[in-house]
């Protein structure tokens, strides 16, 4: 769901202003306690969920300091309404740092990137946002990202990955993973050894069998609303 930048859609309620922009919904908070502002936002989104499902949401929280755990909780709560948080704008360095650690944008306008003059525009293929993690994820590690997640290393039991897109593990996958966490039924999970504690794609959950044959690269995807694992030929 997108809103044109020229849209006159705007709504003000309980110390927050919601308006449509070219990038989706922009919510701007006035001063107040985070818990109160968050509850006002969730109440509004719940009442409008049929209209707002699929929307991209950016928040402008001003000077309010929001901890990383509070951002994670908000992401999970608004995802229940089919809404994706992609940006958190703030005047607080602490809030900005916490947002960036979760892969969120911290400004709406991106810097202009000059196109290389030696490469014809028609030969450039734009990709999708992804995060690369070059280490083993151990128990207690938790990764939440709105795009794709690529891990070069193992994902141990007790580690968790939540991705809006695909999850690719160049190693052993033993932890809990959720691909297509915002409802993308086309998302996939790949690993050199696919033995997760729990694997979820969109709203479908699969539990790995207790015993497997010799480990081999596998890819999991939704087929007829079921999670199916097949040999990963790459």
C-alpha atoms as a PDB file:
ATOM      1  CA  UNK A   1       0.000   0.000   0.000  1.00  0.00           C
ATOM      2  CA  UNK A   2       1.445   3.356  -0.959  1.00  0.00           C
ATOM      3  CA  UNK A   3       0.353   6.997  -0.753  1.00  0.00           C
ATOM      4  CA  UNK A   4       1.238   9.617  -3.312  1.00  0.00           C
ATOM      5  CA  UNK A   5       3.323  12.465  -1.915  1.00  0.00           C
ATOM      6  CA  UNK A   6       0.687  14.964  -3.001  1.00  0.00           C
ATOM      7  CA  UNK A   7      -2.057  13.115  -1.131  1.00  0.00           C
ATOM      8  CA  UNK A   8      -4.066  15.283   1.259  1.00  0.00           C
ATOM      9  CA  UNK A   9      -4.643  12.334   3.589  1.00  0.00           C
ATOM     10  CA  UNK A  10      -3.920  13.498   7.151  1.00  0.00           C
ATOM     11  CA  UNK A  11      -5.299  12.632  10.542  1.00  0.00           C
ATOM     12  CA  UNK A  12      -4.525  14.071  13.974  1.00  0.00           C
ATOM     13  CA  UNK A  13      -5.349  12.217  17.161  1.00  0.00           C
ATOM     14  CA  UNK A  14      -4.070  12.073  20.741  1.00  0.00           C
ATOM     15  CA  UNK A  15      -0.719  13.818  20.268  1.00  0.00           C
ATOM     16  CA  UNK A  16       0.059  12.135  16.962  1.00  0.00           C
ATOM     17  CA  UNK A  17      -0.398  13.145  13.340  1.00  0.00           C
ATOM     18  CA  UNK A  18      -0.719  10.566  10.574  1.00  0.00           C
ATOM     19  CA  UNK A  19      -0.406  11.535   6.938  1.00  0.00           C
ATOM     20  CA  UNK A  20       0.181   9.855   3.617  1.00  0.00           C
ATOM     21  CA  UNK A  21       3.436  10.373   1.742  1.00  0.00           C
ATOM     22  CA  UNK A  22       5.058   8.927  -1.353  1.00  0.00           C
ATOM     23  CA  UNK A  23       6.838   6.389   0.869  1.00  0.00           C
ATOM     24  CA  UNK A  24       3.750   5.281   2.802  1.00  0.00           C
ATOM     25  CA  UNK A  25       2.413   6.473   6.150  1.00  0.00           C
ATOM     26  CA  UNK A  26       4.275   9.072   8.214  1.00  0.00           C
ATOM     27  CA  UNK A  27       3.360   9.300  11.894  1.00  0.00           C
ATOM     28  CA  UNK A  28       4.662  12.306  13.828  1.00  0.00           C
ATOM     29  CA  UNK A  29       4.465  12.332  17.621  1.00  0.00           C
ATOM     30  CA  UNK A  30       4.232  15.412  19.792  1.00  0.00           C
ATOM     31  CA  UNK A  31       5.840  15.437  23.232  1.00  0.00           C
ATOM     32  CA  UNK A  32       4.627  12.814  25.638  1.00  0.00           C
ATOM     33  CA  UNK A  33       5.424   9.491  27.270  1.00  0.00           C
ATOM     34  CA  UNK A  34       6.354   6.733  24.842  1.00  0.00           C
ATOM     35  CA  UNK A  35       3.906   4.195  26.296  1.00  0.00           C
ATOM     36  CA  UNK A  36       0.978   6.603  25.925  1.00  0.00           C
ATOM     37  CA  UNK A  37       1.947   7.591  22.375  1.00  0.00           C
ATOM     38  CA  UNK A  38       2.519   3.990  21.342  1.00  0.00           C
ATOM     39  CA  UNK A  39      -0.880   2.938  22.709  1.00  0.00           C
ATOM     40  CA  UNK A  40      -2.571   5.784  20.808  1.00  0.00           C
ATOM     41  CA  UNK A  41      -0.850   4.654  17.613  1.00  0.00           C
ATOM     42  CA  UNK A  42      -1.749   0.987  18.091  1.00  0.00           C
ATOM     43  CA  UNK A  43      -5.356   1.920  18.833  1.00  0.00           C
ATOM     44  CA  UNK A  44      -5.595   3.934  15.624  1.00  0.00           C
ATOM     45  CA  UNK A  45      -3.930   1.231  13.514  1.00  0.00           C
ATOM     46  CA  UNK A  46      -6.232  -1.413  14.967  1.00  0.00           C
ATOM     47  CA  UNK A  47      -9.325   0.634  14.130  1.00  0.00           C
ATOM     48  CA  UNK A  48      -8.070   1.247  10.587  1.00  0.00           C
ATOM     49  CA  UNK A  49      -6.391  -2.125   9.936  1.00  0.00           C
ATOM     50  CA  UNK A  50      -8.686  -3.040   7.030  1.00  0.00           C
ATOM     51  CA  UNK A  51      -7.690   0.178   5.295  1.00  0.00           C
ATOM     52  CA  UNK A  52      -4.011   0.201   6.272  1.00  0.00           C
ATOM     53  CA  UNK A  53      -3.047  -3.447   5.698  1.00  0.00           C
ATOM     54  CA  UNK A  54       0.111  -3.597   3.599  1.00  0.00           C
ATOM     55  CA  UNK A  55       1.189  -0.038   4.435  1.00  0.00           C
ATOM     56  CA  UNK A  56       4.790   1.045   4.993  1.00  0.00           C
ATOM     57  CA  UNK A  57       5.111   3.066   8.201  1.00  0.00           C
ATOM     58  CA  UNK A  58       7.696   5.654   9.237  1.00  0.00           C
ATOM     59  CA  UNK A  59       7.720   7.302  12.676  1.00  0.00           C
ATOM     60  CA  UNK A  60       8.996  10.755  13.625  1.00  0.00           C
ATOM     61  CA  UNK A  61       9.380  10.650  17.409  1.00  0.00           C
ATOM     62  CA  UNK A  62      11.228  13.940  17.966  1.00  0.00           C
ATOM     63  CA  UNK A  63      13.284  13.916  21.180  1.00  0.00           C
ATOM     64  CA  UNK A  64      11.692  10.794  22.635  1.00  0.00           C
ATOM     65  CA  UNK A  65      14.237   8.145  23.664  1.00  0.00           C
ATOM     66  CA  UNK A  66      13.153   4.641  22.624  1.00  0.00           C
ATOM     67  CA  UNK A  67      15.108   1.554  23.658  1.00  0.00           C
ATOM     68  CA  UNK A  68      15.893  -1.228  21.190  1.00  0.00           C
ATOM     69  CA  UNK A  69      13.594  -3.683  22.979  1.00  0.00           C
ATOM     70  CA  UNK A  70      10.726  -1.173  22.707  1.00  0.00           C
ATOM     71  CA  UNK A  71      11.294  -0.799  18.956  1.00  0.00           C
ATOM     72  CA  UNK A  72      11.315  -4.599  18.558  1.00  0.00           C
ATOM     73  CA  UNK A  73       8.031  -4.823  20.469  1.00  0.00           C
ATOM     74  CA  UNK A  74       6.447  -2.152  18.261  1.00  0.00           C
ATOM     75  CA  UNK A  75       7.587  -3.909  15.066  1.00  0.00           C
ATOM     76  CA  UNK A  76       5.980  -7.132  16.247  1.00  0.00           C
ATOM     77  CA  UNK A  77       2.767  -5.414  17.357  1.00  0.00           C
ATOM     78  CA  UNK A  78       2.128  -3.469  14.146  1.00  0.00           C
ATOM     79  CA  UNK A  79       3.034  -6.493  12.011  1.00  0.00           C
ATOM     80  CA  UNK A  80      -0.120  -8.106  13.412  1.00  0.00           C
ATOM     81  CA  UNK A  81      -2.040  -5.454  11.443  1.00  0.00           C
ATOM     82  CA  UNK A  82      -0.074  -6.209   8.266  1.00  0.00           C
ATOM     83  CA  UNK A  83       1.933  -2.976   8.572  1.00  0.00           C
ATOM     84  CA  UNK A  84       5.694  -2.684   8.085  1.00  0.00           C
ATOM     85  CA  UNK A  85       7.870  -0.284  10.074  1.00  0.00           C
ATOM     86  CA  UNK A  86      10.711   0.794   7.802  1.00  0.00           C
ATOM     87  CA  UNK A  87      11.928   4.131   9.226  1.00  0.00           C
ATOM     88  CA  UNK A  88      12.334   5.769  12.639  1.00  0.00           C
ATOM     89  CA  UNK A  89      13.234   9.467  12.573  1.00  0.00           C
ATOM     90  CA  UNK A  90      14.462  11.034  15.786  1.00  0.00           C
ATOM     91  CA  UNK A  91      16.467  13.906  17.273  1.00  0.00           C
ATOM     92  CA  UNK A  92      17.790  11.532  19.947  1.00  0.00           C
ATOM     93  CA  UNK A  93      21.189   9.920  19.172  1.00  0.00           C
ATOM     94  CA  UNK A  94      20.218   6.968  21.377  1.00  0.00           C
ATOM     95  CA  UNK A  95      16.997   6.327  19.466  1.00  0.00           C
ATOM     96  CA  UNK A  96      18.780   6.700  16.117  1.00  0.00           C
ATOM     97  CA  UNK A  97      21.463   4.200  17.159  1.00  0.00           C
ATOM     98  CA  UNK A  98      18.854   1.689  18.335  1.00  0.00           C
ATOM     99  CA  UNK A  99      16.856   2.046  15.118  1.00  0.00           C
ATOM    100  CA  UNK A 100      19.931   1.572  12.932  1.00  0.00           C
ATOM    101  CA  UNK A 101      20.931  -1.551  14.861  1.00  0.00           C
ATOM    102  CA  UNK A 102      17.617  -3.076  13.784  1.00  0.00           C
ATOM    103  CA  UNK A 103      18.110  -2.140  10.136  1.00  0.00           C
ATOM    104  CA  UNK A 104      15.591   0.719  10.104  1.00  0.00           C
ATOM    105  CA  UNK A 105      16.081   3.866   8.067  1.00  0.00           C
ATOM    106  CA  UNK A 106      16.571   6.997  10.172  1.00  0.00           C
ATOM    107  CA  UNK A 107      15.686   9.593   7.553  1.00  0.00           C
ATOM    108  CA  UNK A 108      13.143   9.786   4.762  1.00  0.00           C
ATOM    109  CA  UNK A 109      15.258  11.355   2.042  1.00  0.00           C
ATOM    110  CA  UNK A 110      18.164   9.247   0.855  1.00  0.00           C
ATOM    111  CA  UNK A 111      21.335  10.867  -0.498  1.00  0.00           C
ATOM    112  CA  UNK A 112      21.596  11.086  -4.255  1.00  0.00           C
ATOM    113  CA  UNK A 113      23.897   8.503  -5.790  1.00  0.00           C
ATOM    114  CA  UNK A 114      25.538   9.477  -9.061  1.00  0.00           C
ATOM    115  CA  UNK A 115      25.243   6.860 -11.763  1.00  0.00           C
ATOM    116  CA  UNK A 116      28.576   5.689 -13.192  1.00  0.00           C
ATOM    117  CA  UNK A 117      28.945   7.305 -16.595  1.00  0.00           C
ATOM    118  CA  UNK A 118      30.603   4.179 -17.995  1.00  0.00           C
ATOM    119  CA  UNK A 119      27.623   1.903 -17.230  1.00  0.00           C
ATOM    120  CA  UNK A 120      24.457   2.289 -19.349  1.00  0.00           C
ATOM    121  CA  UNK A 121      21.378   2.738 -17.172  1.00  0.00           C
ATOM    122  CA  UNK A 122      19.520  -0.076 -18.921  1.00  0.00           C
ATOM    123  CA  UNK A 123      22.228  -2.568 -17.857  1.00  0.00           C
ATOM    124  CA  UNK A 124      21.785  -1.852 -14.133  1.00  0.00           C
ATOM    125  CA  UNK A 125      19.463  -4.159 -12.191  1.00  0.00           C
ATOM    126  CA  UNK A 126      18.223  -2.798  -8.894  1.00  0.00           C
ATOM    127  CA  UNK A 127      18.160  -5.297  -6.047  1.00  0.00           C
ATOM    128  CA  UNK A 128      16.322  -5.471  -2.751  1.00  0.00           C
ATOM    129  CA  UNK A 129      17.479  -4.501   0.727  1.00  0.00           C
ATOM    130  CA  UNK A 130      19.481  -7.156   2.570  1.00  0.00           C
ATOM    131  CA  UNK A 131      21.759  -7.452   5.587  1.00  0.00           C
ATOM    132  CA  UNK A 132      24.900  -9.633   5.615  1.00  0.00           C
ATOM    133  CA  UNK A 133      26.006 -11.183   8.908  1.00  0.00           C
ATOM    134  CA  UNK A 134      29.482 -12.692   8.782  1.00  0.00           C
ATOM    135  CA  UNK A 135      29.553 -14.657  12.046  1.00  0.00           C
ATOM    136  CA  UNK A 136      27.895 -17.512  13.875  1.00  0.00           C
ATOM    137  CA  UNK A 137      24.698 -16.556  15.708  1.00  0.00           C
ATOM    138  CA  UNK A 138      24.684 -18.060  19.173  1.00  0.00           C
ATOM    139  CA  UNK A 139      21.914 -18.680  21.678  1.00  0.00           C
ATOM    140  CA  UNK A 140      20.347 -15.357  22.675  1.00  0.00           C
ATOM    141  CA  UNK A 141      21.258 -13.577  19.439  1.00  0.00           C
ATOM    142  CA  UNK A 142      18.213 -12.088  17.704  1.00  0.00           C
ATOM    143  CA  UNK A 143      18.156 -10.531  14.239  1.00  0.00           C
ATOM    144  CA  UNK A 144      15.152  -8.528  12.998  1.00  0.00           C
ATOM    145  CA  UNK A 145      15.315  -6.948   9.541  1.00  0.00           C
ATOM    146  CA  UNK A 146      12.638  -5.781   7.100  1.00  0.00           C
ATOM    147  CA  UNK A 147      14.515  -7.124   4.046  1.00  0.00           C
ATOM    148  CA  UNK A 148      16.533 -10.263   3.335  1.00  0.00           C
ATOM    149  CA  UNK A 149      18.963 -11.753   5.885  1.00  0.00           C
ATOM    150  CA  UNK A 150      22.135 -13.565   4.800  1.00  0.00           C
ATOM    151  CA  UNK A 151      24.291 -15.337   7.363  1.00  0.00           C
ATOM    152  CA  UNK A 152      27.770 -16.626   6.587  1.00  0.00           C
ATOM    153  CA  UNK A 153      28.143 -18.907   9.568  1.00  0.00           C
ATOM    154  CA  UNK A 154      25.932 -21.117  11.694  1.00  0.00           C
ATOM    155  CA  UNK A 155      22.663 -20.260  13.431  1.00  0.00           C
ATOM    156  CA  UNK A 156      22.804 -22.149  16.731  1.00  0.00           C
ATOM    157  CA  UNK A 157      19.846 -23.338  18.824  1.00  0.00           C
ATOM    158  CA  UNK A 158      18.431 -20.415  20.780  1.00  0.00           C
ATOM    159  CA  UNK A 159      19.300 -17.869  18.072  1.00  0.00           C
ATOM    160  CA  UNK A 160      16.438 -16.185  16.200  1.00  0.00           C
ATOM    161  CA  UNK A 161      16.082 -14.496  12.804  1.00  0.00           C
ATOM    162  CA  UNK A 162      12.999 -12.530  11.725  1.00  0.00           C
ATOM    163  CA  UNK A 163      13.117 -11.268   8.122  1.00  0.00           C
ATOM    164  CA  UNK A 164      10.605  -9.495   5.949  1.00  0.00           C
ATOM    165  CA  UNK A 165      12.169 -11.291   2.967  1.00  0.00           C
ATOM    166  CA  UNK A 166      14.319 -14.401   2.474  1.00  0.00           C
ATOM    167  CA  UNK A 167      16.757 -16.010   4.914  1.00  0.00           C
ATOM    168  CA  UNK A 168      19.930 -17.606   3.549  1.00  0.00           C
ATOM    169  CA  UNK A 169      22.359 -19.394   5.867  1.00  0.00           C
ATOM    170  CA  UNK A 170      25.732 -20.444   4.484  1.00  0.00           C
ATOM    171  CA  UNK A 171      26.177 -22.908   7.321  1.00  0.00           C
ATOM    172  CA  UNK A 172      24.121 -24.947   9.777  1.00  0.00           C
ATOM    173  CA  UNK A 173      20.661 -23.659  10.646  1.00  0.00           C
ATOM    174  CA  UNK A 174      19.646 -24.921  14.084  1.00  0.00           C
ATOM    175  CA  UNK A 175      17.811 -21.931  15.556  1.00  0.00           C
ATOM    176  CA  UNK A 176      14.405 -20.321  14.981  1.00  0.00           C
ATOM    177  CA  UNK A 177      13.743 -18.468  11.718  1.00  0.00           C
ATOM    178  CA  UNK A 178      10.770 -16.555  10.321  1.00  0.00           C
ATOM    179  CA  UNK A 179      10.988 -15.510   6.669  1.00  0.00           C
ATOM    180  CA  UNK A 180       8.320 -13.350   5.032  1.00  0.00           C
ATOM    181  CA  UNK A 181       7.482 -12.139   8.524  1.00  0.00           C
ATOM    182  CA  UNK A 182       5.186  -9.415   7.198  1.00  0.00           C
ATOM    183  CA  UNK A 183       3.114 -11.808   5.111  1.00  0.00           C
ATOM    184  CA  UNK A 184       5.308 -12.537   2.074  1.00  0.00           C
ATOM    185  CA  UNK A 185       4.244 -16.018   0.972  1.00  0.00           C
ATOM    186  CA  UNK A 186       6.976 -16.115  -1.687  1.00  0.00           C
ATOM    187  CA  UNK A 187       9.807 -15.904   0.872  1.00  0.00           C
ATOM    188  CA  UNK A 188      12.271 -18.790   1.173  1.00  0.00           C
ATOM    189  CA  UNK A 189      14.724 -20.186   3.711  1.00  0.00           C
ATOM    190  CA  UNK A 190      17.955 -21.797   2.485  1.00  0.00           C
ATOM    191  CA  UNK A 191      20.786 -23.446   4.435  1.00  0.00           C
ATOM    192  CA  UNK A 192      23.651 -25.847   3.872  1.00  0.00           C
ATOM    193  CA  UNK A 193      22.212 -27.883   6.753  1.00  0.00           C
ATOM    194  CA  UNK A 194      18.526 -27.108   7.325  1.00  0.00           C
ATOM    195  CA  UNK A 195      17.610 -28.390  10.791  1.00  0.00           C
ATOM    196  CA  UNK A 196      15.856 -25.468  12.517  1.00  0.00           C
ATOM    197  CA  UNK A 197      14.228 -25.579  15.917  1.00  0.00           C
ATOM    198  CA  UNK A 198      11.292 -23.849  14.224  1.00  0.00           C
ATOM    199  CA  UNK A 199      10.891 -22.582  10.683  1.00  0.00           C
ATOM    200  CA  UNK A 200       8.139 -20.188   9.693  1.00  0.00           C
ATOM    201  CA  UNK A 201       7.277 -18.627   6.352  1.00  0.00           C
ATOM    202  CA  UNK A 202       4.600 -15.928   6.449  1.00  0.00           C
ATOM    203  CA  UNK A 203       1.967 -17.454   8.768  1.00  0.00           C
ATOM    204  CA  UNK A 204       2.881 -21.118   8.224  1.00  0.00           C
ATOM    205  CA  UNK A 205       5.013 -22.965  10.792  1.00  0.00           C
ATOM    206  CA  UNK A 206       7.115 -26.098  10.358  1.00  0.00           C
ATOM    207  CA  UNK A 207       8.973 -28.052  13.034  1.00  0.00           C
ATOM    208  CA  UNK A 208      12.046 -29.966  11.857  1.00  0.00           C
ATOM    209  CA  UNK A 209      11.968 -33.765  12.366  1.00  0.00           C
ATOM    210  CA  UNK A 210      14.041 -35.064  15.279  1.00  0.00           C
ATOM    211  CA  UNK A 211      16.130 -37.276  13.007  1.00  0.00           C
ATOM    212  CA  UNK A 212      17.505 -36.529   9.565  1.00  0.00           C
ATOM    213  CA  UNK A 213      19.648 -38.277   7.027  1.00  0.00           C
ATOM    214  CA  UNK A 214      23.042 -36.974   6.007  1.00  0.00           C
ATOM    215  CA  UNK A 215      22.832 -33.143   6.025  1.00  0.00           C
ATOM    216  CA  UNK A 216      22.541 -31.533   2.611  1.00  0.00           C
ATOM    217  CA  UNK A 217      21.756 -28.053   1.269  1.00  0.00           C
ATOM    218  CA  UNK A 218      17.999 -27.489   1.312  1.00  0.00           C
ATOM    219  CA  UNK A 219      15.537 -24.756   0.466  1.00  0.00           C
ATOM    220  CA  UNK A 220      12.190 -24.326   2.234  1.00  0.00           C
ATOM    221  CA  UNK A 221       9.250 -22.581   0.615  1.00  0.00           C
ATOM    222  CA  UNK A 222       5.449 -22.548   0.719  1.00  0.00           C
ATOM    223  CA  UNK A 223       3.734 -24.993  -1.622  1.00  0.00           C
ATOM    224  CA  UNK A 224      -0.058 -25.270  -1.371  1.00  0.00           C
ATOM    225  CA  UNK A 225       0.070 -23.421   1.967  1.00  0.00           C
ATOM    226  CA  UNK A 226       2.534 -25.937   3.424  1.00  0.00           C
ATOM    227  CA  UNK A 227       6.221 -25.508   4.209  1.00  0.00           C
ATOM    228  CA  UNK A 228       8.137 -27.862   1.922  1.00  0.00           C
ATOM    229  CA  UNK A 229      11.906 -28.487   2.023  1.00  0.00           C
ATOM    230  CA  UNK A 230      13.698 -29.538  -1.150  1.00  0.00           C
ATOM    231  CA  UNK A 231      17.277 -30.007  -2.276  1.00  0.00           C
ATOM    232  CA  UNK A 232      18.954 -26.642  -2.796  1.00  0.00           C
ATOM    233  CA  UNK A 233      20.686 -26.715  -6.162  1.00  0.00           C
ATOM    234  CA  UNK A 234      22.905 -23.670  -6.435  1.00  0.00           C
END
